Amino acid sequence: MNRYQLLQEQPRAYTSGNVEYINNEWVFFDEESDEAYLLADFVSEDLEIHMNEVWIRAYFFEDDVIQIENKQYFLQHGEYIRIRKKLQTSYQEFLHELSDEAFTKLVDALNELDYSIYDCIYCHNFLSFQPKDKSAQGINFFLFDNEDLVCSLHHSFIRDATIVKDRFSFARTDGLMMEIH
């Protein structure tokens, strides 16, 4: 399975909710938090609409019009949509830096611990501060929250001309620890 597929299949990758037309504006109501957001704030985001029991990719076209494939569709009051969550920039850079094998190991370990790539709430990517053309080693720090438990991840790395090494150490708040090489 490639990176794109792994990311697509992650739990909690989307924020889902209904849209309502209030005071001449479309408002998105997050079903998890019950918070309301102007839908216009998500115009450039990945969007899917729930139609005929399936999620269909859509794009904002203008105001209350979305485009599904080559057809324009007017949003309806109460429509159920989901918006892909964004990953922090430094976290995206970290994921991009990993080899396919290390990326898959990380995703598999997180999923085994009941976390998603999208559960990251804090990222300190020390590797991103290192020159790309020189040897580097250090530790990156991450926190994940799946709404039940918090998990810390220490990513130890070595990068030089001949060695690319990654080690992942997980510690969950219930005391469970796991290490992946």
N, C-alpha and C. Protein backbone atom coordinates (compact mmCIF):
# COMPACT_ATOMS: atom_id res chain seq x y z
N MET A 1 0.86 -1.18 0.00
CA MET A 1 0.00 0.00 0.00
C MET A 1 0.90 1.24 0.00
N ASN A 2 0.58 2.22 -0.82
CA ASN A 2 1.43 3.41 -0.90
C ASN A 2 1.03 4.45 0.15
N ARG A 3 1.84 5.48 0.27
CA ARG A 3 1.61 6.52 1.29
C ARG A 3 0.24 7.17 1.16
N TYR A 4 -0.13 7.47 -0.07
CA TYR A 4 -1.41 8.15 -0.30
C TYR A 4 -2.56 7.28 0.21
N GLN A 5 -2.53 6.00 -0.09
CA GLN A 5 -3.58 5.10 0.37
C GLN A 5 -3.59 5.00 1.89
N LEU A 6 -2.41 4.91 2.50
CA LEU A 6 -2.33 4.86 3.96
C LEU A 6 -2.94 6.10 4.59
N LEU A 7 -2.63 7.26 4.02
CA LEU A 7 -3.19 8.51 4.55
C LEU A 7 -4.70 8.57 4.37
N GLN A 8 -5.18 8.10 3.22
CA GLN A 8 -6.62 8.13 2.93
C GLN A 8 -7.40 7.25 3.90
N GLU A 9 -6.80 6.15 4.34
CA GLU A 9 -7.52 5.18 5.16
C GLU A 9 -7.35 5.40 6.66
N GLN A 10 -6.69 6.47 7.05
CA GLN A 10 -6.47 6.73 8.46
C GLN A 10 -7.76 7.13 9.17
N PRO A 11 -7.96 6.61 10.39
CA PRO A 11 -9.11 7.09 11.17
C PRO A 11 -8.93 8.56 11.54
N ARG A 12 -10.01 9.23 11.76
CA ARG A 12 -10.03 10.63 12.20
C ARG A 12 -9.29 11.56 11.23
N ALA A 13 -9.29 11.21 9.95
CA ALA A 13 -8.64 12.03 8.93
C ALA A 13 -9.52 13.21 8.52
N TYR A 14 -10.80 13.15 8.88
CA TYR A 14 -11.75 14.17 8.46
C TYR A 14 -12.48 14.77 9.66
N THR A 15 -12.92 15.99 9.48
CA THR A 15 -13.87 16.62 10.39
C THR A 15 -15.20 16.58 9.66
N SER A 16 -16.19 15.94 10.27
CA SER A 16 -17.49 15.77 9.63
C SER A 16 -18.54 16.61 10.33
N GLY A 17 -19.57 16.96 9.57
CA GLY A 17 -20.68 17.70 10.14
C GLY A 17 -21.67 18.15 9.09
N ASN A 18 -22.62 18.91 9.54
CA ASN A 18 -23.67 19.41 8.65
C ASN A 18 -23.44 20.87 8.34
N VAL A 19 -23.99 21.29 7.20
CA VAL A 19 -23.95 22.70 6.84
C VAL A 19 -25.36 23.27 6.91
N GLU A 20 -25.45 24.50 7.34
CA GLU A 20 -26.73 25.20 7.42
C GLU A 20 -26.55 26.61 6.88
N TYR A 21 -27.59 27.10 6.24
CA TYR A 21 -27.55 28.44 5.69
C TYR A 21 -28.16 29.38 6.72
N ILE A 22 -27.31 30.21 7.35
CA ILE A 22 -27.74 31.10 8.44
C ILE A 22 -27.27 32.51 8.13
N ASN A 23 -28.18 33.47 8.18
CA ASN A 23 -27.84 34.87 7.94
C ASN A 23 -27.05 35.07 6.65
N ASN A 24 -27.51 34.46 5.59
CA ASN A 24 -26.91 34.58 4.27
C ASN A 24 -25.49 34.03 4.17
N GLU A 25 -25.13 33.10 5.06
CA GLU A 25 -23.82 32.46 5.01
C GLU A 25 -23.96 30.98 5.33
N TRP A 26 -23.12 30.18 4.70
CA TRP A 26 -23.09 28.76 5.00
C TRP A 26 -22.22 28.53 6.22
N VAL A 27 -22.77 27.81 7.18
CA VAL A 27 -22.07 27.52 8.43
C VAL A 27 -21.89 26.01 8.54
N PHE A 28 -20.69 25.60 8.89
CA PHE A 28 -20.36 24.19 9.08
C PHE A 28 -20.38 23.89 10.57
N PHE A 29 -21.14 22.88 10.98
CA PHE A 29 -21.22 22.46 12.38
C PHE A 29 -20.47 21.15 12.55
N ASP A 30 -19.34 21.21 13.27
CA ASP A 30 -18.51 20.05 13.54
C ASP A 30 -19.30 19.10 14.44
N GLU A 31 -19.55 17.88 13.98
CA GLU A 31 -20.37 16.95 14.75
C GLU A 31 -19.67 16.49 16.04
N GLU A 32 -18.34 16.54 16.08
CA GLU A 32 -17.62 16.11 17.27
C GLU A 32 -17.66 17.16 18.37
N SER A 33 -17.34 18.39 18.00
CA SER A 33 -17.20 19.46 19.00
C SER A 33 -18.43 20.36 19.09
N ASP A 34 -19.35 20.24 18.15
CA ASP A 34 -20.52 21.12 18.06
C ASP A 34 -20.15 22.57 17.80
N GLU A 35 -18.89 22.82 17.43
CA GLU A 35 -18.48 24.18 17.10
C GLU A 35 -18.94 24.54 15.71
N ALA A 36 -19.17 25.82 15.49
CA ALA A 36 -19.63 26.30 14.20
C ALA A 36 -18.52 27.10 13.52
N TYR A 37 -18.38 26.91 12.21
CA TYR A 37 -17.38 27.61 11.42
C TYR A 37 -18.03 28.08 10.14
N LEU A 38 -17.56 29.20 9.64
CA LEU A 38 -18.04 29.64 8.33
C LEU A 38 -17.47 28.69 7.29
N LEU A 39 -18.31 28.18 6.45
CA LEU A 39 -17.88 27.25 5.42
C LEU A 39 -16.88 27.91 4.47
N ALA A 40 -17.00 29.21 4.30
CA ALA A 40 -16.08 29.95 3.42
C ALA A 40 -14.63 29.81 3.88
N ASP A 41 -14.41 29.53 5.17
CA ASP A 41 -13.06 29.35 5.69
C ASP A 41 -12.41 28.06 5.18
N PHE A 42 -13.22 27.16 4.63
CA PHE A 42 -12.72 25.87 4.17
C PHE A 42 -12.72 25.74 2.65
N VAL A 43 -12.85 26.85 1.95
CA VAL A 43 -13.00 26.82 0.50
C VAL A 43 -11.87 26.07 -0.20
N SER A 44 -10.65 26.18 0.29
CA SER A 44 -9.53 25.54 -0.39
C SER A 44 -9.23 24.14 0.15
N GLU A 45 -10.05 23.63 1.03
CA GLU A 45 -9.80 22.34 1.66
C GLU A 45 -10.33 21.17 0.83
N ASP A 46 -9.79 19.98 1.14
CA ASP A 46 -10.35 18.74 0.59
C ASP A 46 -11.73 18.56 1.19
N LEU A 47 -12.71 18.36 0.34
CA LEU A 47 -14.10 18.28 0.77
C LEU A 47 -14.74 17.05 0.17
N GLU A 48 -15.57 16.39 0.95
CA GLU A 48 -16.38 15.29 0.44
C GLU A 48 -17.79 15.49 0.94
N ILE A 49 -18.74 15.08 0.13
CA ILE A 49 -20.16 15.21 0.47
C ILE A 49 -20.76 13.81 0.51
N HIS A 50 -21.63 13.59 1.47
CA HIS A 50 -22.24 12.27 1.63
C HIS A 50 -23.52 12.22 0.79
N MET A 51 -23.48 11.41 -0.25
CA MET A 51 -24.63 11.28 -1.15
C MET A 51 -24.85 9.81 -1.47
N ASN A 52 -26.08 9.39 -1.44
CA ASN A 52 -26.42 8.00 -1.79
C ASN A 52 -25.56 7.00 -1.03
N GLU A 53 -25.36 7.27 0.27
CA GLU A 53 -24.64 6.37 1.18
C GLU A 53 -23.14 6.23 0.89
N VAL A 54 -22.57 7.12 0.08
CA VAL A 54 -21.12 7.10 -0.16
C VAL A 54 -20.57 8.53 -0.08
N TRP A 55 -19.27 8.63 0.20
CA TRP A 55 -18.59 9.91 0.21
C TRP A 55 -18.09 10.21 -1.19
N ILE A 56 -18.41 11.40 -1.68
CA ILE A 56 -18.02 11.81 -3.02
C ILE A 56 -17.16 13.07 -2.92
N ARG A 57 -16.01 13.05 -3.58
CA ARG A 57 -15.10 14.20 -3.57
C ARG A 57 -15.77 15.37 -4.28
N ALA A 58 -15.64 16.54 -3.68
CA ALA A 58 -16.26 17.74 -4.24
C ALA A 58 -15.29 18.91 -4.09
N TYR A 59 -15.54 19.95 -4.86
CA TYR A 59 -14.73 21.16 -4.82
C TYR A 59 -15.66 22.36 -4.75
N PHE A 60 -15.26 23.37 -4.00
CA PHE A 60 -16.05 24.59 -3.98
C PHE A 60 -15.93 25.27 -5.33
N PHE A 61 -17.06 25.70 -5.83
CA PHE A 61 -17.08 26.40 -7.11
C PHE A 61 -17.29 27.88 -6.85
N GLU A 62 -18.35 28.20 -6.13
CA GLU A 62 -18.63 29.58 -5.71
C GLU A 62 -19.73 29.52 -4.65
N ASP A 63 -19.75 30.50 -3.77
CA ASP A 63 -20.72 30.64 -2.68
C ASP A 63 -21.37 29.32 -2.24
N ASP A 64 -22.53 29.00 -2.79
CA ASP A 64 -23.25 27.80 -2.36
C ASP A 64 -23.25 26.71 -3.43
N VAL A 65 -22.26 26.77 -4.33
CA VAL A 65 -22.16 25.80 -5.40
C VAL A 65 -20.86 25.00 -5.23
N ILE A 66 -21.00 23.69 -5.30
CA ILE A 66 -19.82 22.83 -5.30
C ILE A 66 -19.81 22.06 -6.61
N GLN A 67 -18.63 21.60 -6.97
CA GLN A 67 -18.51 20.84 -8.21
C GLN A 67 -18.20 19.40 -7.84
N ILE A 68 -19.01 18.49 -8.40
CA ILE A 68 -18.81 17.06 -8.23
C ILE A 68 -18.57 16.51 -9.63
N GLU A 69 -17.35 15.98 -9.83
CA GLU A 69 -16.91 15.59 -11.17
C GLU A 69 -17.06 16.80 -12.08
N ASN A 70 -17.84 16.74 -13.13
CA ASN A 70 -17.99 17.90 -14.03
C ASN A 70 -19.33 18.59 -13.87
N LYS A 71 -20.03 18.30 -12.79
CA LYS A 71 -21.36 18.87 -12.59
C LYS A 71 -21.36 19.81 -11.39
N GLN A 72 -22.13 20.86 -11.52
CA GLN A 72 -22.28 21.79 -10.40
C GLN A 72 -23.50 21.38 -9.58
N TYR A 73 -23.35 21.52 -8.26
CA TYR A 73 -24.37 21.07 -7.34
C TYR A 73 -24.58 22.16 -6.30
N PHE A 74 -25.83 22.53 -6.05
CA PHE A 74 -26.13 23.54 -5.03
C PHE A 74 -26.22 22.87 -3.67
N LEU A 75 -25.47 23.40 -2.72
CA LEU A 75 -25.55 22.89 -1.35
C LEU A 75 -26.97 23.03 -0.83
N GLN A 76 -27.35 22.08 -0.02
CA GLN A 76 -28.67 22.09 0.60
C GLN A 76 -28.51 22.26 2.11
N HIS A 77 -29.45 22.93 2.73
CA HIS A 77 -29.48 23.08 4.18
C HIS A 77 -29.48 21.69 4.82
N GLY A 78 -28.56 21.44 5.74
CA GLY A 78 -28.49 20.15 6.43
C GLY A 78 -27.60 19.13 5.75
N GLU A 79 -26.98 19.50 4.63
CA GLU A 79 -26.10 18.58 3.89
C GLU A 79 -24.99 18.08 4.82
N TYR A 80 -24.65 16.81 4.71
CA TYR A 80 -23.60 16.20 5.53
C TYR A 80 -22.31 16.17 4.71
N ILE A 81 -21.26 16.83 5.22
CA ILE A 81 -19.99 16.90 4.52
C ILE A 81 -18.85 16.54 5.47
N ARG A 82 -17.70 16.31 4.88
CA ARG A 82 -16.50 16.14 5.70
C ARG A 82 -15.34 16.85 5.02
N ILE A 83 -14.46 17.36 5.85
CA ILE A 83 -13.33 18.15 5.39
C ILE A 83 -12.06 17.49 5.94
N ARG A 84 -11.11 17.21 5.04
CA ARG A 84 -9.88 16.56 5.48
C ARG A 84 -9.12 17.48 6.43
N LYS A 85 -8.64 16.90 7.53
CA LYS A 85 -7.85 17.66 8.49
C LYS A 85 -6.49 17.97 7.89
N LYS A 86 -5.96 19.11 8.27
CA LYS A 86 -4.63 19.51 7.81
C LYS A 86 -3.58 19.02 8.80
N LEU A 87 -2.44 18.67 8.28
CA LEU A 87 -1.31 18.31 9.12
C LEU A 87 -0.41 19.54 9.28
N GLN A 88 0.18 19.68 10.44
CA GLN A 88 1.09 20.80 10.67
C GLN A 88 2.24 20.73 9.65
N THR A 89 2.74 21.88 9.24
CA THR A 89 3.78 21.93 8.22
C THR A 89 5.02 21.15 8.64
N SER A 90 5.50 21.35 9.86
CA SER A 90 6.71 20.64 10.30
C SER A 90 6.47 19.14 10.38
N TYR A 91 5.26 18.74 10.70
CA TYR A 91 4.89 17.32 10.76
C TYR A 91 4.85 16.74 9.34
N GLN A 92 4.30 17.48 8.39
CA GLN A 92 4.29 17.03 7.00
C GLN A 92 5.72 16.86 6.48
N GLU A 93 6.59 17.80 6.83
CA GLU A 93 7.99 17.71 6.42
C GLU A 93 8.65 16.46 7.00
N PHE A 94 8.35 16.18 8.26
CA PHE A 94 8.88 14.97 8.91
C PHE A 94 8.42 13.72 8.18
N LEU A 95 7.14 13.62 7.90
CA LEU A 95 6.60 12.44 7.21
C LEU A 95 7.22 12.28 5.83
N HIS A 96 7.41 13.39 5.15
CA HIS A 96 8.01 13.37 3.81
C HIS A 96 9.46 12.88 3.86
N GLU A 97 10.16 13.20 4.92
CA GLU A 97 11.57 12.84 5.07
C GLU A 97 11.76 11.33 5.28
N LEU A 98 10.75 10.65 5.79
CA LEU A 98 10.87 9.23 6.08
C LEU A 98 10.87 8.40 4.79
N SER A 99 11.64 7.33 4.82
CA SER A 99 11.59 6.37 3.71
C SER A 99 10.20 5.73 3.71
N ASP A 100 9.84 5.09 2.60
CA ASP A 100 8.54 4.41 2.54
C ASP A 100 8.43 3.35 3.62
N GLU A 101 9.51 2.63 3.85
CA GLU A 101 9.50 1.58 4.88
C GLU A 101 9.28 2.17 6.27
N ALA A 102 10.02 3.24 6.61
CA ALA A 102 9.88 3.87 7.92
C ALA A 102 8.49 4.49 8.07
N PHE A 103 7.98 5.10 7.02
CA PHE A 103 6.65 5.69 7.04
C PHE A 103 5.60 4.62 7.34
N THR A 104 5.69 3.50 6.65
CA THR A 104 4.74 2.41 6.86
C THR A 104 4.84 1.85 8.27
N LYS A 105 6.06 1.68 8.78
CA LYS A 105 6.24 1.20 10.16
C LYS A 105 5.61 2.17 11.16
N LEU A 106 5.81 3.47 10.94
CA LEU A 106 5.23 4.47 11.83
C LEU A 106 3.71 4.39 11.82
N VAL A 107 3.11 4.38 10.63
CA VAL A 107 1.66 4.33 10.51
C VAL A 107 1.11 3.06 11.15
N ASP A 108 1.74 1.92 10.86
CA ASP A 108 1.28 0.65 11.42
C ASP A 108 1.36 0.66 12.95
N ALA A 109 2.44 1.20 13.50
CA ALA A 109 2.60 1.26 14.96
C ALA A 109 1.55 2.18 15.58
N LEU A 110 1.35 3.36 14.98
CA LEU A 110 0.32 4.27 15.50
C LEU A 110 -1.06 3.60 15.47
N ASN A 111 -1.39 2.97 14.36
CA ASN A 111 -2.69 2.31 14.24
C ASN A 111 -2.83 1.17 15.24
N GLU A 112 -1.76 0.43 15.47
CA GLU A 112 -1.78 -0.66 16.46
C GLU A 112 -2.06 -0.11 17.86
N LEU A 113 -1.57 1.09 18.13
CA LEU A 113 -1.80 1.73 19.43
C LEU A 113 -3.11 2.52 19.47
N ASP A 114 -3.92 2.42 18.43
CA ASP A 114 -5.21 3.12 18.30
C ASP A 114 -5.07 4.62 18.06
N TYR A 115 -4.03 5.01 17.32
CA TYR A 115 -3.84 6.40 16.94
C TYR A 115 -3.83 6.48 15.42
N SER A 116 -4.02 7.67 14.95
CA SER A 116 -3.99 7.97 13.53
C SER A 116 -2.89 8.99 13.28
N ILE A 117 -2.40 9.02 12.06
CA ILE A 117 -1.47 10.07 11.65
C ILE A 117 -2.07 11.44 11.97
N TYR A 118 -3.39 11.54 11.89
CA TYR A 118 -4.09 12.82 12.08
C TYR A 118 -4.33 13.18 13.55
N ASP A 119 -3.86 12.35 14.48
CA ASP A 119 -4.03 12.63 15.90
C ASP A 119 -2.88 13.43 16.49
N CYS A 120 -1.92 13.83 15.68
CA CYS A 120 -0.76 14.59 16.16
C CYS A 120 -1.20 15.98 16.61
N ILE A 121 -0.91 16.30 17.88
CA ILE A 121 -1.27 17.62 18.42
C ILE A 121 -0.05 18.48 18.69
N TYR A 122 1.14 17.89 18.65
CA TYR A 122 2.38 18.65 18.84
C TYR A 122 3.49 17.97 18.06
N CYS A 123 4.33 18.78 17.43
CA CYS A 123 5.45 18.26 16.66
C CYS A 123 6.65 19.17 16.83
N HIS A 124 7.76 18.60 17.25
CA HIS A 124 9.04 19.31 17.19
C HIS A 124 9.94 18.50 16.28
N ASN A 125 10.14 18.98 15.08
CA ASN A 125 10.90 18.28 14.05
C ASN A 125 12.31 18.85 14.00
N PHE A 126 13.18 18.33 14.85
CA PHE A 126 14.56 18.78 14.91
C PHE A 126 15.29 18.51 13.60
N LEU A 127 14.92 17.42 12.92
CA LEU A 127 15.56 17.07 11.66
C LEU A 127 15.41 18.18 10.62
N SER A 128 14.29 18.88 10.65
CA SER A 128 14.07 19.94 9.66
C SER A 128 15.03 21.12 9.84
N PHE A 129 15.66 21.23 10.99
CA PHE A 129 16.61 22.32 11.25
C PHE A 129 18.04 21.93 10.86
N GLN A 130 18.23 20.69 10.43
CA GLN A 130 19.57 20.21 10.09
C GLN A 130 19.84 20.42 8.61
N PRO A 131 21.09 20.77 8.27
CA PRO A 131 21.44 20.93 6.85
C PRO A 131 21.26 19.60 6.11
N LYS A 132 20.68 19.66 4.94
CA LYS A 132 20.40 18.44 4.16
C LYS A 132 21.68 17.81 3.59
N ASP A 133 22.72 18.61 3.41
CA ASP A 133 23.93 18.12 2.78
C ASP A 133 25.00 17.66 3.78
N LYS A 134 24.66 17.59 5.08
CA LYS A 134 25.62 17.18 6.10
C LYS A 134 25.01 16.07 6.95
N SER A 135 25.88 15.33 7.62
CA SER A 135 25.43 14.29 8.54
C SER A 135 24.66 14.93 9.69
N ALA A 136 23.64 14.21 10.16
CA ALA A 136 22.84 14.74 11.27
C ALA A 136 22.31 13.58 12.10
N GLN A 137 22.14 13.85 13.37
CA GLN A 137 21.47 12.90 14.24
C GLN A 137 20.78 13.68 15.34
N GLY A 138 19.74 13.08 15.89
CA GLY A 138 18.99 13.75 16.94
C GLY A 138 17.68 13.05 17.22
N ILE A 139 16.80 13.78 17.87
CA ILE A 139 15.50 13.22 18.26
C ILE A 139 14.41 14.24 17.95
N ASN A 140 13.35 13.76 17.34
CA ASN A 140 12.14 14.56 17.13
C ASN A 140 11.12 14.15 18.19
N PHE A 141 10.26 15.09 18.60
CA PHE A 141 9.26 14.82 19.63
C PHE A 141 7.86 15.10 19.08
N PHE A 142 6.93 14.19 19.40
CA PHE A 142 5.55 14.33 18.95
C PHE A 142 4.60 13.91 20.06
N LEU A 143 3.43 14.52 20.06
CA LEU A 143 2.34 14.10 20.96
C LEU A 143 1.13 13.78 20.11
N PHE A 144 0.47 12.67 20.43
CA PHE A 144 -0.75 12.24 19.75
C PHE A 144 -1.86 12.12 20.78
N ASP A 145 -3.06 12.51 20.39
CA ASP A 145 -4.22 12.40 21.27
C ASP A 145 -5.37 11.79 20.47
N ASN A 146 -5.83 10.61 20.91
CA ASN A 146 -6.93 9.96 20.22
C ASN A 146 -8.26 10.14 20.96
N GLU A 147 -8.30 11.09 21.86
CA GLU A 147 -9.44 11.46 22.70
C GLU A 147 -9.67 10.50 23.85
N ASP A 148 -8.88 9.42 23.93
CA ASP A 148 -8.93 8.52 25.08
C ASP A 148 -7.62 8.60 25.87
N LEU A 149 -6.50 8.55 25.15
CA LEU A 149 -5.19 8.57 25.77
C LEU A 149 -4.24 9.44 24.95
N VAL A 150 -3.22 9.97 25.61
CA VAL A 150 -2.17 10.72 24.94
C VAL A 150 -0.97 9.79 24.78
N CYS A 151 -0.27 9.93 23.67
CA CYS A 151 0.90 9.11 23.40
C CYS A 151 2.04 10.03 22.98
N SER A 152 3.22 9.83 23.56
CA SER A 152 4.38 10.58 23.10
C SER A 152 5.19 9.67 22.17
N LEU A 153 5.80 10.29 21.20
CA LEU A 153 6.67 9.59 20.26
C LEU A 153 8.00 10.31 20.23
N HIS A 154 9.06 9.54 20.44
CA HIS A 154 10.41 10.05 20.25
C HIS A 154 10.95 9.35 19.01
N HIS A 155 11.33 10.14 18.03
CA HIS A 155 11.89 9.60 16.78
C HIS A 155 13.37 9.91 16.78
N SER A 156 14.19 8.87 16.98
CA SER A 156 15.65 9.01 16.93
C SER A 156 16.08 8.78 15.49
N PHE A 157 16.97 9.63 15.00
CA PHE A 157 17.39 9.51 13.61
C PHE A 157 18.88 9.70 13.46
N ILE A 158 19.40 9.06 12.43
CA ILE A 158 20.77 9.29 11.96
C ILE A 158 20.67 9.44 10.45
N ARG A 159 21.28 10.48 9.94
CA ARG A 159 21.32 10.72 8.51
C ARG A 159 22.75 11.09 8.13
N ASP A 160 23.36 10.28 7.29
CA ASP A 160 24.64 10.67 6.69
C ASP A 160 24.73 10.00 5.33
N ALA A 161 25.87 10.10 4.70
CA ALA A 161 26.02 9.63 3.32
C ALA A 161 25.73 8.14 3.17
N THR A 162 26.00 7.35 4.20
CA THR A 162 25.83 5.90 4.08
C THR A 162 24.74 5.32 4.97
N ILE A 163 24.28 6.07 5.96
CA ILE A 163 23.30 5.53 6.92
C ILE A 163 22.06 6.42 6.99
N VAL A 164 20.92 5.78 6.88
CA VAL A 164 19.63 6.42 7.17
C VAL A 164 18.97 5.49 8.18
N LYS A 165 18.87 5.96 9.42
CA LYS A 165 18.36 5.10 10.48
C LYS A 165 17.26 5.83 11.23
N ASP A 166 16.17 5.11 11.49
CA ASP A 166 15.04 5.66 12.23
C ASP A 166 14.64 4.68 13.32
N ARG A 167 14.40 5.21 14.52
CA ARG A 167 13.88 4.40 15.62
C ARG A 167 12.72 5.18 16.25
N PHE A 168 11.62 4.50 16.45
CA PHE A 168 10.43 5.12 17.02
C PHE A 168 10.17 4.53 18.40
N SER A 169 10.07 5.40 19.41
CA SER A 169 9.76 4.97 20.77
C SER A 169 8.46 5.62 21.20
N PHE A 170 7.47 4.80 21.53
CA PHE A 170 6.15 5.27 21.92
C PHE A 170 5.94 5.05 23.41
N ALA A 171 5.28 6.00 24.06
CA ALA A 171 4.88 5.84 25.46
C ALA A 171 3.48 6.43 25.62
N ARG A 172 2.54 5.59 26.00
CA ARG A 172 1.16 6.02 26.16
C ARG A 172 0.90 6.34 27.62
N THR A 173 -0.08 7.17 27.90
CA THR A 173 -0.35 7.61 29.27
C THR A 173 -0.81 6.48 30.18
N ASP A 174 -1.24 5.35 29.62
CA ASP A 174 -1.62 4.22 30.47
C ASP A 174 -0.43 3.32 30.79
N GLY A 175 0.78 3.74 30.38
CA GLY A 175 2.00 3.01 30.71
C GLY A 175 2.49 2.09 29.61
N LEU A 176 1.70 1.86 28.57
CA LEU A 176 2.12 1.01 27.46
C LEU A 176 3.25 1.68 26.71
N MET A 177 4.31 0.89 26.46
CA MET A 177 5.46 1.42 25.71
C MET A 177 5.77 0.46 24.57
N MET A 178 6.29 1.02 23.47
CA MET A 178 6.62 0.20 22.32
C MET A 178 7.76 0.88 21.57
N GLU A 179 8.64 0.05 21.00
CA GLU A 179 9.76 0.58 20.23
C GLU A 179 9.81 -0.13 18.88
N ILE A 180 10.04 0.64 17.82
CA ILE A 180 10.12 0.12 16.46
C ILE A 180 11.44 0.59 15.85
N HIS A 181 12.16 -0.35 15.25
CA HIS A 181 13.44 -0.02 14.58
C HIS A 181 13.28 -0.18 13.09
